[in-house]
Amino acid sequence: MNDLLAAKPSSAWTMFTYLNFVVAAVMMAGGIYFLEASFAAKGFYAMAALMLVSSTAAITKSIRDAEESQRLHNKIDEARTERLLMEVNTPRS
């Protein structure tokens, strides 16, 4: 039953992912700022970058939610099977 629980990420990994995101966001913002293009083109790239980050977060959440739902569904099925086996194996008086 312990295999159903996901391992909690370490604080070092969490800090690394936040730092990685901040560095990538700063690099993207700097690249757009120093781009030799019109203000409208820079705005388009900035909106595209924000949309990419937003959609990445949304798809990650959707995948995680589907995985957790499947895990819960499997746990419920296992409990039902165990209960059915207990009912079959108990002698009736």
N, C-alpha and C. Protein backbone atom coordinates (compact mmCIF):
# COMPACT_ATOMS: atom_id res chain seq x y z
N MET A 1 0.82 -1.19 0.00
CA MET A 1 0.00 0.00 0.00
C MET A 1 0.86 1.25 0.00
N ASN A 2 2.09 1.15 0.51
CA ASN A 2 2.97 2.31 0.52
C ASN A 2 3.42 2.73 -0.87
N ASP A 3 3.33 1.81 -1.84
CA ASP A 3 3.74 2.16 -3.19
C ASP A 3 2.75 3.11 -3.85
N LEU A 4 1.57 3.30 -3.27
CA LEU A 4 0.60 4.23 -3.83
C LEU A 4 0.93 5.67 -3.47
N LEU A 5 1.72 5.87 -2.43
CA LEU A 5 2.08 7.21 -2.02
C LEU A 5 3.28 7.69 -2.83
N ALA A 6 3.16 8.89 -3.35
CA ALA A 6 4.26 9.45 -4.13
C ALA A 6 5.30 10.04 -3.19
N ALA A 7 6.55 9.92 -3.57
CA ALA A 7 7.62 10.48 -2.77
C ALA A 7 7.57 12.01 -2.85
N LYS A 8 7.72 12.66 -1.72
CA LYS A 8 7.70 14.11 -1.68
C LYS A 8 9.05 14.63 -2.17
N PRO A 9 9.05 15.62 -3.07
CA PRO A 9 10.33 16.13 -3.57
C PRO A 9 11.10 16.84 -2.45
N SER A 10 12.41 16.79 -2.54
CA SER A 10 13.25 17.42 -1.52
C SER A 10 13.18 18.94 -1.66
N SER A 11 13.55 19.62 -0.58
CA SER A 11 13.53 21.08 -0.62
C SER A 11 14.60 21.60 -1.60
N ALA A 12 15.70 20.86 -1.75
CA ALA A 12 16.74 21.27 -2.71
C ALA A 12 16.19 21.22 -4.14
N TRP A 13 15.44 20.17 -4.46
CA TRP A 13 14.87 20.06 -5.81
C TRP A 13 13.84 21.16 -6.04
N THR A 14 13.02 21.44 -5.04
CA THR A 14 12.02 22.49 -5.17
C THR A 14 12.70 23.84 -5.40
N MET A 15 13.73 24.13 -4.62
CA MET A 15 14.46 25.39 -4.79
C MET A 15 15.11 25.46 -6.17
N PHE A 16 15.67 24.35 -6.64
CA PHE A 16 16.28 24.31 -7.97
C PHE A 16 15.25 24.63 -9.05
N THR A 17 14.05 24.05 -8.95
CA THR A 17 13.04 24.30 -9.98
C THR A 17 12.59 25.75 -9.98
N TYR A 18 12.42 26.34 -8.79
CA TYR A 18 12.05 27.77 -8.73
C TYR A 18 13.17 28.63 -9.33
N LEU A 19 14.40 28.34 -8.96
CA LEU A 19 15.52 29.11 -9.47
C LEU A 19 15.64 28.94 -10.99
N ASN A 20 15.44 27.74 -11.47
CA ASN A 20 15.49 27.46 -12.90
C ASN A 20 14.43 28.28 -13.63
N PHE A 21 13.23 28.35 -13.08
CA PHE A 21 12.16 29.13 -13.70
C PHE A 21 12.51 30.61 -13.72
N VAL A 22 13.02 31.12 -12.61
CA VAL A 22 13.36 32.55 -12.54
C VAL A 22 14.46 32.90 -13.54
N VAL A 23 15.49 32.07 -13.63
CA VAL A 23 16.57 32.32 -14.58
C VAL A 23 16.03 32.30 -16.02
N ALA A 24 15.19 31.32 -16.33
CA ALA A 24 14.63 31.24 -17.69
C ALA A 24 13.75 32.45 -17.99
N ALA A 25 12.95 32.88 -17.02
CA ALA A 25 12.07 34.04 -17.23
C ALA A 25 12.90 35.31 -17.43
N VAL A 26 13.95 35.49 -16.64
CA VAL A 26 14.82 36.67 -16.79
C VAL A 26 15.51 36.65 -18.15
N MET A 27 15.99 35.48 -18.56
CA MET A 27 16.65 35.38 -19.85
C MET A 27 15.67 35.68 -21.00
N MET A 28 14.45 35.18 -20.90
CA MET A 28 13.45 35.45 -21.93
C MET A 28 13.10 36.93 -21.97
N ALA A 29 12.90 37.53 -20.79
CA ALA A 29 12.57 38.96 -20.73
C ALA A 29 13.72 39.79 -21.29
N GLY A 30 14.95 39.44 -20.94
CA GLY A 30 16.10 40.17 -21.48
C GLY A 30 16.22 40.02 -22.98
N GLY A 31 15.98 38.82 -23.46
CA GLY A 31 16.04 38.59 -24.90
C GLY A 31 14.99 39.39 -25.65
N ILE A 32 13.79 39.47 -25.10
CA ILE A 32 12.73 40.25 -25.74
C ILE A 32 13.06 41.74 -25.65
N TYR A 33 13.56 42.18 -24.51
CA TYR A 33 13.85 43.61 -24.31
C TYR A 33 14.93 44.09 -25.27
N PHE A 34 15.99 43.29 -25.43
CA PHE A 34 17.10 43.71 -26.28
C PHE A 34 16.92 43.31 -27.75
N LEU A 35 15.80 42.72 -28.08
CA LEU A 35 15.52 42.33 -29.46
C LEU A 35 15.41 43.57 -30.34
N GLU A 36 16.05 43.50 -31.50
CA GLU A 36 15.97 44.63 -32.43
C GLU A 36 14.72 44.46 -33.28
N ALA A 37 13.59 44.83 -32.70
CA ALA A 37 12.31 44.72 -33.40
C ALA A 37 11.40 45.83 -32.90
N SER A 38 10.27 45.97 -33.57
CA SER A 38 9.31 47.00 -33.16
C SER A 38 8.69 46.65 -31.81
N PHE A 39 8.10 47.65 -31.20
CA PHE A 39 7.44 47.44 -29.91
C PHE A 39 6.31 46.41 -30.04
N ALA A 40 5.60 46.42 -31.16
CA ALA A 40 4.51 45.47 -31.39
C ALA A 40 5.05 44.04 -31.47
N ALA A 41 6.17 43.86 -32.13
CA ALA A 41 6.77 42.51 -32.24
C ALA A 41 7.23 42.04 -30.87
N LYS A 42 7.83 42.94 -30.08
CA LYS A 42 8.26 42.58 -28.73
C LYS A 42 7.05 42.19 -27.88
N GLY A 43 5.96 42.93 -28.04
CA GLY A 43 4.73 42.61 -27.31
C GLY A 43 4.18 41.24 -27.69
N PHE A 44 4.24 40.93 -28.98
CA PHE A 44 3.79 39.63 -29.45
C PHE A 44 4.61 38.51 -28.82
N TYR A 45 5.94 38.67 -28.83
CA TYR A 45 6.82 37.66 -28.23
C TYR A 45 6.59 37.52 -26.73
N ALA A 46 6.37 38.65 -26.06
CA ALA A 46 6.11 38.61 -24.61
C ALA A 46 4.80 37.87 -24.32
N MET A 47 3.76 38.15 -25.09
CA MET A 47 2.47 37.45 -24.89
C MET A 47 2.62 35.97 -25.19
N ALA A 48 3.37 35.63 -26.23
CA ALA A 48 3.58 34.22 -26.56
C ALA A 48 4.34 33.50 -25.44
N ALA A 49 5.34 34.17 -24.85
CA ALA A 49 6.09 33.57 -23.75
C ALA A 49 5.19 33.35 -22.54
N LEU A 50 4.37 34.33 -22.20
CA LEU A 50 3.44 34.18 -21.07
C LEU A 50 2.43 33.07 -21.33
N MET A 51 1.93 32.98 -22.55
CA MET A 51 0.98 31.93 -22.89
C MET A 51 1.64 30.55 -22.81
N LEU A 52 2.88 30.46 -23.23
CA LEU A 52 3.61 29.19 -23.16
C LEU A 52 3.79 28.74 -21.72
N VAL A 53 4.16 29.66 -20.84
CA VAL A 53 4.31 29.33 -19.42
C VAL A 53 2.97 28.90 -18.83
N SER A 54 1.92 29.65 -19.13
CA SER A 54 0.59 29.34 -18.61
C SER A 54 0.09 27.98 -19.10
N SER A 55 0.25 27.69 -20.38
CA SER A 55 -0.23 26.42 -20.90
C SER A 55 0.62 25.25 -20.39
N THR A 56 1.91 25.48 -20.16
CA THR A 56 2.76 24.44 -19.58
C THR A 56 2.31 24.09 -18.18
N ALA A 57 1.99 25.10 -17.37
CA ALA A 57 1.49 24.86 -16.02
C ALA A 57 0.16 24.12 -16.06
N ALA A 58 -0.72 24.50 -16.98
CA ALA A 58 -2.03 23.87 -17.08
C ALA A 58 -1.93 22.41 -17.50
N ILE A 59 -1.10 22.10 -18.49
CA ILE A 59 -0.98 20.71 -18.93
C ILE A 59 -0.30 19.85 -17.87
N THR A 60 0.66 20.43 -17.15
CA THR A 60 1.30 19.69 -16.06
C THR A 60 0.30 19.34 -14.98
N LYS A 61 -0.56 20.30 -14.63
CA LYS A 61 -1.59 20.05 -13.62
C LYS A 61 -2.58 19.00 -14.11
N SER A 62 -2.96 19.07 -15.37
CA SER A 62 -3.90 18.10 -15.91
C SER A 62 -3.33 16.68 -15.87
N ILE A 63 -2.07 16.54 -16.25
CA ILE A 63 -1.43 15.22 -16.22
C ILE A 63 -1.34 14.70 -14.79
N ARG A 64 -0.95 15.57 -13.86
CA ARG A 64 -0.83 15.17 -12.45
C ARG A 64 -2.20 14.77 -11.89
N ASP A 65 -3.24 15.56 -12.21
CA ASP A 65 -4.58 15.24 -11.72
C ASP A 65 -5.08 13.91 -12.27
N ALA A 66 -4.80 13.64 -13.53
CA ALA A 66 -5.21 12.37 -14.12
C ALA A 66 -4.49 11.20 -13.45
N GLU A 67 -3.21 11.38 -13.16
CA GLU A 67 -2.44 10.34 -12.48
C GLU A 67 -2.96 10.09 -11.07
N GLU A 68 -3.25 11.16 -10.34
CA GLU A 68 -3.79 11.01 -8.98
C GLU A 68 -5.17 10.36 -9.00
N SER A 69 -5.98 10.71 -9.98
CA SER A 69 -7.31 10.12 -10.11
C SER A 69 -7.20 8.63 -10.39
N GLN A 70 -6.28 8.25 -11.27
CA GLN A 70 -6.08 6.83 -11.60
C GLN A 70 -5.59 6.07 -10.37
N ARG A 71 -4.70 6.70 -9.60
CA ARG A 71 -4.20 6.07 -8.38
C ARG A 71 -5.33 5.83 -7.39
N LEU A 72 -6.21 6.83 -7.22
CA LEU A 72 -7.34 6.70 -6.31
C LEU A 72 -8.30 5.63 -6.81
N HIS A 73 -8.55 5.61 -8.12
CA HIS A 73 -9.44 4.60 -8.71
C HIS A 73 -8.90 3.20 -8.45
N ASN A 74 -7.59 3.01 -8.64
CA ASN A 74 -6.98 1.71 -8.40
C ASN A 74 -7.07 1.32 -6.94
N LYS A 75 -6.91 2.28 -6.04
CA LYS A 75 -6.99 2.02 -4.61
C LYS A 75 -8.41 1.58 -4.22
N ILE A 76 -9.41 2.22 -4.79
CA ILE A 76 -10.81 1.86 -4.52
C ILE A 76 -11.11 0.47 -5.05
N ASP A 77 -10.66 0.17 -6.27
CA ASP A 77 -10.86 -1.17 -6.84
C ASP A 77 -10.19 -2.24 -5.98
N GLU A 78 -9.00 -1.94 -5.49
CA GLU A 78 -8.29 -2.90 -4.64
C GLU A 78 -9.05 -3.14 -3.34
N ALA A 79 -9.61 -2.09 -2.76
CA ALA A 79 -10.38 -2.23 -1.52
C ALA A 79 -11.66 -3.04 -1.77
N ARG A 80 -12.32 -2.81 -2.90
CA ARG A 80 -13.53 -3.58 -3.24
C ARG A 80 -13.20 -5.05 -3.41
N THR A 81 -12.11 -5.34 -4.11
CA THR A 81 -11.70 -6.72 -4.33
C THR A 81 -11.38 -7.40 -3.00
N GLU A 82 -10.67 -6.68 -2.14
CA GLU A 82 -10.31 -7.24 -0.84
C GLU A 82 -11.56 -7.52 0.00
N ARG A 83 -12.52 -6.61 -0.04
CA ARG A 83 -13.77 -6.81 0.71
C ARG A 83 -14.54 -8.01 0.15
N LEU A 84 -14.58 -8.14 -1.16
CA LEU A 84 -15.27 -9.27 -1.78
C LEU A 84 -14.60 -10.59 -1.40
N LEU A 85 -13.29 -10.61 -1.41
CA LEU A 85 -12.57 -11.82 -1.00
C LEU A 85 -12.82 -12.16 0.45
N MET A 86 -12.90 -11.15 1.30
CA MET A 86 -13.17 -11.38 2.73
C MET A 86 -14.57 -11.98 2.91
N GLU A 87 -15.54 -11.47 2.14
CA GLU A 87 -16.91 -11.98 2.22
C GLU A 87 -16.99 -13.43 1.75
N VAL A 88 -16.24 -13.76 0.71
CA VAL A 88 -16.26 -15.12 0.16
C VAL A 88 -15.57 -16.08 1.12
N ASN A 89 -14.51 -15.65 1.77
CA ASN A 89 -13.74 -16.54 2.63
C ASN A 89 -14.29 -16.69 4.06
N THR A 90 -15.20 -15.84 4.46
CA THR A 90 -15.74 -15.96 5.83
C THR A 90 -16.80 -17.04 5.86
N PRO A 91 -16.70 -17.94 6.84
CA PRO A 91 -17.72 -19.00 6.95
C PRO A 91 -19.03 -18.42 7.47
N ARG A 92 -20.10 -18.91 6.92
CA ARG A 92 -21.44 -18.45 7.35
C ARG A 92 -22.00 -19.46 8.35
N SER A 93 -22.59 -18.92 9.40
CA SER A 93 -23.16 -19.83 10.40
C SER A 93 -24.64 -19.98 10.29
